[in-house]
């Protein structure tokens, strides 16, 4: 089973290095990038969909 997360990425306001660092930090926490989709007009807002395995309850 997985838990899921979405992140909005504004490519018009952030430099590529900034959102790359954010996604890399999430990757170090175990998140896997599943897909990136544009908003309705496809210009500057992207939505990143991520997943990671659920940790077993102790």
PDB file of N, CA and C in Angstrom:
ATOM      1  N   UNK A   1       0.839  -1.168   0.000  1.00  0.00           N
ATOM      2  CA  UNK A   1       0.000   0.000   0.000  1.00  0.00           C
ATOM      3  C   UNK A   1       0.892   1.242   0.000  1.00  0.00           C
ATOM      4  N   UNK A   2       0.326   2.301  -0.540  1.00  0.00           N
ATOM      5  CA  UNK A   2       1.084   3.540  -0.693  1.00  0.00           C
ATOM      6  C   UNK A   2       0.332   4.715  -0.082  1.00  0.00           C
ATOM      7  N   UNK A   3       1.078   5.740   0.256  1.00  0.00           N
ATOM      8  CA  UNK A   3       0.487   7.028   0.570  1.00  0.00           C
ATOM      9  C   UNK A   3       0.846   7.956  -0.578  1.00  0.00           C
ATOM     10  N   UNK A   4       0.001   8.938  -0.827  1.00  0.00           N
ATOM     11  CA  UNK A   4       0.172   9.790  -1.990  1.00  0.00           C
ATOM     12  C   UNK A   4       0.276  11.252  -1.589  1.00  0.00           C
ATOM     13  N   UNK A   5       0.943  12.034  -2.444  1.00  0.00           N
ATOM     14  CA  UNK A   5       1.181  13.444  -2.178  1.00  0.00           C
ATOM     15  C   UNK A   5       1.140  14.183  -3.508  1.00  0.00           C
ATOM     16  N   UNK A   6       0.593  15.380  -3.516  1.00  0.00           N
ATOM     17  CA  UNK A   6       0.664  16.235  -4.703  1.00  0.00           C
ATOM     18  C   UNK A   6       1.367  17.526  -4.322  1.00  0.00           C
ATOM     19  N   UNK A   7       2.117  18.063  -5.264  1.00  0.00           N
ATOM     20  CA  UNK A   7       2.823  19.335  -5.073  1.00  0.00           C
ATOM     21  C   UNK A   7       2.580  20.205  -6.289  1.00  0.00           C
ATOM     22  N   UNK A   8       2.230  21.460  -6.049  1.00  0.00           N
ATOM     23  CA  UNK A   8       2.095  22.436  -7.122  1.00  0.00           C
ATOM     24  C   UNK A   8       3.459  23.044  -7.410  1.00  0.00           C
ATOM     25  N   UNK A   9       3.833  23.107  -8.673  1.00  0.00           N
ATOM     26  CA  UNK A   9       5.098  23.697  -9.093  1.00  0.00           C
ATOM     27  C   UNK A   9       4.780  24.846 -10.040  1.00  0.00           C
ATOM     28  N   UNK A  10       5.161  26.059  -9.659  1.00  0.00           N
ATOM     29  CA  UNK A  10       4.934  27.222 -10.501  1.00  0.00           C
ATOM     30  C   UNK A  10       6.227  27.512 -11.254  1.00  0.00           C
ATOM     31  N   UNK A  11       6.288  27.080 -12.504  1.00  0.00           N
ATOM     32  CA  UNK A  11       7.507  27.242 -13.290  1.00  0.00           C
ATOM     33  C   UNK A  11       7.705  28.681 -13.750  1.00  0.00           C
ATOM     34  N   UNK A  12       6.681  29.511 -13.638  1.00  0.00           N
ATOM     35  CA  UNK A  12       6.811  30.909 -14.006  1.00  0.00           C
ATOM     36  C   UNK A  12       7.452  31.742 -12.913  1.00  0.00           C
ATOM     37  N   UNK A  13       7.406  31.272 -11.678  1.00  0.00           N
ATOM     38  CA  UNK A  13       7.930  32.039 -10.546  1.00  0.00           C
ATOM     39  C   UNK A  13       9.158  31.426  -9.889  1.00  0.00           C
ATOM     40  N   UNK A  14       9.402  30.151 -10.131  1.00  0.00           N
ATOM     41  CA  UNK A  14      10.545  29.473  -9.516  1.00  0.00           C
ATOM     42  C   UNK A  14      11.551  29.084 -10.576  1.00  0.00           C
ATOM     43  N   UNK A  15      12.803  29.105 -10.211  1.00  0.00           N
ATOM     44  CA  UNK A  15      13.856  28.639 -11.113  1.00  0.00           C
ATOM     45  C   UNK A  15      13.851  27.110 -11.110  1.00  0.00           C
ATOM     46  N   UNK A  16      14.222  26.492 -12.225  1.00  0.00           N
ATOM     47  CA  UNK A  16      14.244  25.019 -12.286  1.00  0.00           C
ATOM     48  C   UNK A  16      15.050  24.388 -11.153  1.00  0.00           C
ATOM     49  N   UNK A  17      16.143  25.001 -10.768  1.00  0.00           N
ATOM     50  CA  UNK A  17      16.956  24.442  -9.692  1.00  0.00           C
ATOM     51  C   UNK A  17      16.184  24.396  -8.377  1.00  0.00           C
ATOM     52  N   UNK A  18      15.333  25.390  -8.144  1.00  0.00           N
ATOM     53  CA  UNK A  18      14.563  25.457  -6.896  1.00  0.00           C
ATOM     54  C   UNK A  18      13.593  24.296  -6.784  1.00  0.00           C
ATOM     55  N   UNK A  19      12.791  24.069  -7.822  1.00  0.00           N
ATOM     56  CA  UNK A  19      11.833  22.961  -7.699  1.00  0.00           C
ATOM     57  C   UNK A  19      12.500  21.611  -7.879  1.00  0.00           C
ATOM     58  N   UNK A  20      13.633  21.553  -8.558  1.00  0.00           N
ATOM     59  CA  UNK A  20      14.386  20.296  -8.621  1.00  0.00           C
ATOM     60  C   UNK A  20      14.902  19.925  -7.238  1.00  0.00           C
ATOM     61  N   UNK A  21      15.393  20.908  -6.491  1.00  0.00           N
ATOM     62  CA  UNK A  21      15.862  20.646  -5.124  1.00  0.00           C
ATOM     63  C   UNK A  21      14.720  20.182  -4.231  1.00  0.00           C
ATOM     64  N   UNK A  22      13.538  20.790  -4.391  1.00  0.00           N
ATOM     65  CA  UNK A  22      12.371  20.390  -3.597  1.00  0.00           C
ATOM     66  C   UNK A  22      11.987  18.938  -3.895  1.00  0.00           C
ATOM     67  N   UNK A  23      11.954  18.571  -5.173  1.00  0.00           N
ATOM     68  CA  UNK A  23      11.611  17.191  -5.541  1.00  0.00           C
ATOM     69  C   UNK A  23      12.690  16.207  -5.095  1.00  0.00           C
ATOM     70  N   UNK A  24      13.949  16.608  -5.171  1.00  0.00           N
ATOM     71  CA  UNK A  24      15.033  15.739  -4.702  1.00  0.00           C
ATOM     72  C   UNK A  24      14.944  15.514  -3.196  1.00  0.00           C
ATOM     73  N   UNK A  25      14.584  16.550  -2.437  1.00  0.00           N
ATOM     74  CA  UNK A  25      14.416  16.405  -0.988  1.00  0.00           C
ATOM     75  C   UNK A  25      13.294  15.416  -0.689  1.00  0.00           C
ATOM     76  N   UNK A  26      12.208  15.486  -1.442  1.00  0.00           N
ATOM     77  CA  UNK A  26      11.113  14.532  -1.252  1.00  0.00           C
ATOM     78  C   UNK A  26      11.575  13.117  -1.601  1.00  0.00           C
ATOM     79  N   UNK A  27      12.400  12.994  -2.616  1.00  0.00           N
ATOM     80  CA  UNK A  27      12.943  11.683  -2.995  1.00  0.00           C
ATOM     81  C   UNK A  27      13.780  11.078  -1.883  1.00  0.00           C
ATOM     82  N   UNK A  28      14.547  11.918  -1.189  1.00  0.00           N
ATOM     83  CA  UNK A  28      15.352  11.408  -0.070  1.00  0.00           C
ATOM     84  C   UNK A  28      14.468  10.948   1.080  1.00  0.00           C
ATOM     85  N   UNK A  29      13.228  11.453   1.156  1.00  0.00           N
ATOM     86  CA  UNK A  29      12.277  11.021   2.188  1.00  0.00           C
ATOM     87  C   UNK A  29      11.495   9.784   1.756  1.00  0.00           C
ATOM     88  N   UNK A  30      11.818   9.239   0.590  1.00  0.00           N
ATOM     89  CA  UNK A  30      11.170   8.009   0.132  1.00  0.00           C
ATOM     90  C   UNK A  30      10.058   8.216  -0.878  1.00  0.00           C
ATOM     91  N   UNK A  31       9.798   9.471  -1.271  1.00  0.00           N
ATOM     92  CA  UNK A  31       8.745   9.737  -2.248  1.00  0.00           C
ATOM     93  C   UNK A  31       9.250   9.456  -3.650  1.00  0.00           C
ATOM     94  N   UNK A  32       8.410   8.822  -4.459  1.00  0.00           N
ATOM     95  CA  UNK A  32       8.722   8.510  -5.852  1.00  0.00           C
ATOM     96  C   UNK A  32       7.808   9.345  -6.746  1.00  0.00           C
ATOM     97  N   UNK A  33       8.377  10.029  -7.717  1.00  0.00           N
ATOM     98  CA  UNK A  33       7.602  10.827  -8.650  1.00  0.00           C
ATOM     99  C   UNK A  33       6.865   9.900  -9.605  1.00  0.00           C
ATOM    100  N   UNK A  34       5.546  10.025  -9.642  1.00  0.00           N
ATOM    101  CA  UNK A  34       4.724   9.165 -10.489  1.00  0.00           C
ATOM    102  C   UNK A  34       4.388   9.868 -11.794  1.00  0.00           C
ATOM    103  N   UNK A  35       3.975  11.132 -11.706  1.00  0.00           N
ATOM    104  CA  UNK A  35       3.577  11.873 -12.907  1.00  0.00           C
ATOM    105  C   UNK A  35       3.625  13.364 -12.632  1.00  0.00           C
ATOM    106  N   UNK A  36       3.761  14.121 -13.701  1.00  0.00           N
ATOM    107  CA  UNK A  36       3.665  15.576 -13.635  1.00  0.00           C
ATOM    108  C   UNK A  36       2.677  15.994 -14.710  1.00  0.00           C
ATOM    109  N   UNK A  37       1.670  16.769 -14.329  1.00  0.00           N
ATOM    110  CA  UNK A  37       0.662  17.207 -15.292  1.00  0.00           C
ATOM    111  C   UNK A  37       0.534  18.725 -15.255  1.00  0.00           C
ATOM    112  N   UNK A  38       0.262  19.350 -16.403  1.00  0.00           N
ATOM    113  CA  UNK A  38       0.062  20.796 -16.442  1.00  0.00           C
ATOM    114  C   UNK A  38      -1.327  21.172 -15.955  1.00  0.00           C
ATOM    115  N   UNK A  39      -1.485  22.440 -15.608  1.00  0.00           N
ATOM    116  CA  UNK A  39      -2.813  22.919 -15.237  1.00  0.00           C
ATOM    117  C   UNK A  39      -3.673  23.056 -16.495  1.00  0.00           C
ATOM    118  N   UNK A  40      -4.823  23.651 -16.330  1.00  0.00           N
ATOM    119  CA  UNK A  40      -5.769  23.706 -17.432  1.00  0.00           C
ATOM    120  C   UNK A  40      -5.256  24.472 -18.650  1.00  0.00           C
ATOM    121  N   UNK A  41      -4.420  25.491 -18.451  1.00  0.00           N
ATOM    122  CA  UNK A  41      -3.916  26.217 -19.614  1.00  0.00           C
ATOM    123  C   UNK A  41      -2.516  25.762 -20.020  1.00  0.00           C
ATOM    124  N   UNK A  42      -1.881  24.914 -19.204  1.00  0.00           N
ATOM    125  CA  UNK A  42      -0.612  24.307 -19.554  1.00  0.00           C
ATOM    126  C   UNK A  42       0.583  25.237 -19.575  1.00  0.00           C
ATOM    127  N   UNK A  43       0.461  26.423 -18.956  1.00  0.00           N
ATOM    128  CA  UNK A  43       1.564  27.370 -19.046  1.00  0.00           C
ATOM    129  C   UNK A  43       2.577  27.267 -17.928  1.00  0.00           C
ATOM    130  N   UNK A  44       2.176  27.575 -16.699  1.00  0.00           N
ATOM    131  CA  UNK A  44       3.173  27.714 -15.652  1.00  0.00           C
ATOM    132  C   UNK A  44       2.969  26.835 -14.428  1.00  0.00           C
ATOM    133  N   UNK A  45       1.786  26.320 -14.223  1.00  0.00           N
ATOM    134  CA  UNK A  45       1.527  25.529 -13.025  1.00  0.00           C
ATOM    135  C   UNK A  45       1.527  24.050 -13.391  1.00  0.00           C
ATOM    136  N   UNK A  46       2.383  23.313 -12.731  1.00  0.00           N
ATOM    137  CA  UNK A  46       2.417  21.861 -12.891  1.00  0.00           C
ATOM    138  C   UNK A  46       2.028  21.227 -11.573  1.00  0.00           C
ATOM    139  N   UNK A  47       1.421  20.076 -11.633  1.00  0.00           N
ATOM    140  CA  UNK A  47       1.125  19.305 -10.434  1.00  0.00           C
ATOM    141  C   UNK A  47       1.947  18.035 -10.483  1.00  0.00           C
ATOM    142  N   UNK A  48       2.759  17.831  -9.449  1.00  0.00           N
ATOM    143  CA  UNK A  48       3.570  16.623  -9.344  1.00  0.00           C
ATOM    144  C   UNK A  48       2.843  15.639  -8.425  1.00  0.00           C
ATOM    145  N   UNK A  49       2.685  14.420  -8.879  1.00  0.00           N
ATOM    146  CA  UNK A  49       2.063  13.361  -8.096  1.00  0.00           C
ATOM    147  C   UNK A  49       3.161  12.420  -7.624  1.00  0.00           C
ATOM    148  N   UNK A  50       3.200  12.168  -6.320  1.00  0.00           N
ATOM    149  CA  UNK A  50       4.238  11.319  -5.741  1.00  0.00           C
ATOM    150  C   UNK A  50       3.598  10.230  -4.887  1.00  0.00           C
ATOM    151  N   UNK A  51       4.340   9.138  -4.690  1.00  0.00           N
ATOM    152  CA  UNK A  51       3.865   8.067  -3.813  1.00  0.00           C
ATOM    153  C   UNK A  51       5.053   7.508  -3.050  1.00  0.00           C
ATOM    154  N   UNK A  52       4.755   6.875  -1.912  1.00  0.00           N
ATOM    155  CA  UNK A  52       5.767   6.124  -1.176  1.00  0.00           C
ATOM    156  C   UNK A  52       5.051   5.031  -0.400  1.00  0.00           C
ATOM    157  N   UNK A  53       5.754   3.943  -0.130  1.00  0.00           N
ATOM    158  CA  UNK A  53       5.139   2.845   0.613  1.00  0.00           C
ATOM    159  C   UNK A  53       4.754   3.293   2.017  1.00  0.00           C
ATOM    160  N   UNK A  54       3.631   2.787   2.488  1.00  0.00           N
ATOM    161  CA  UNK A  54       3.248   3.032   3.883  1.00  0.00           C
ATOM    162  C   UNK A  54       4.187   2.277   4.804  1.00  0.00           C
ATOM    163  N   UNK A  55       4.521   2.902   5.895  1.00  0.00           N
ATOM    164  CA  UNK A  55       5.368   2.207   6.885  1.00  0.00           C
ATOM    165  C   UNK A  55       4.491   1.291   7.710  1.00  0.00           C
ATOM    166  N   UNK A  56       4.983   0.116   8.003  1.00  0.00           N
ATOM    167  CA  UNK A  56       4.217  -0.861   8.789  1.00  0.00           C
ATOM    168  C   UNK A  56       3.997  -0.345  10.205  1.00  0.00           C
ATOM    169  N   UNK A  57       2.804  -0.521  10.696  1.00  0.00           N
ATOM    170  CA  UNK A  57       2.503  -0.117  12.081  1.00  0.00           C
ATOM    171  C   UNK A  57       3.183  -1.082  13.051  1.00  0.00           C
ATOM    172  N   UNK A  58       3.740  -0.541  14.099  1.00  0.00           N
ATOM    173  CA  UNK A  58       4.437  -1.372  15.091  1.00  0.00           C
ATOM    174  C   UNK A  58       3.491  -1.798  16.182  1.00  0.00           C
TER     175      UNK A  58
END
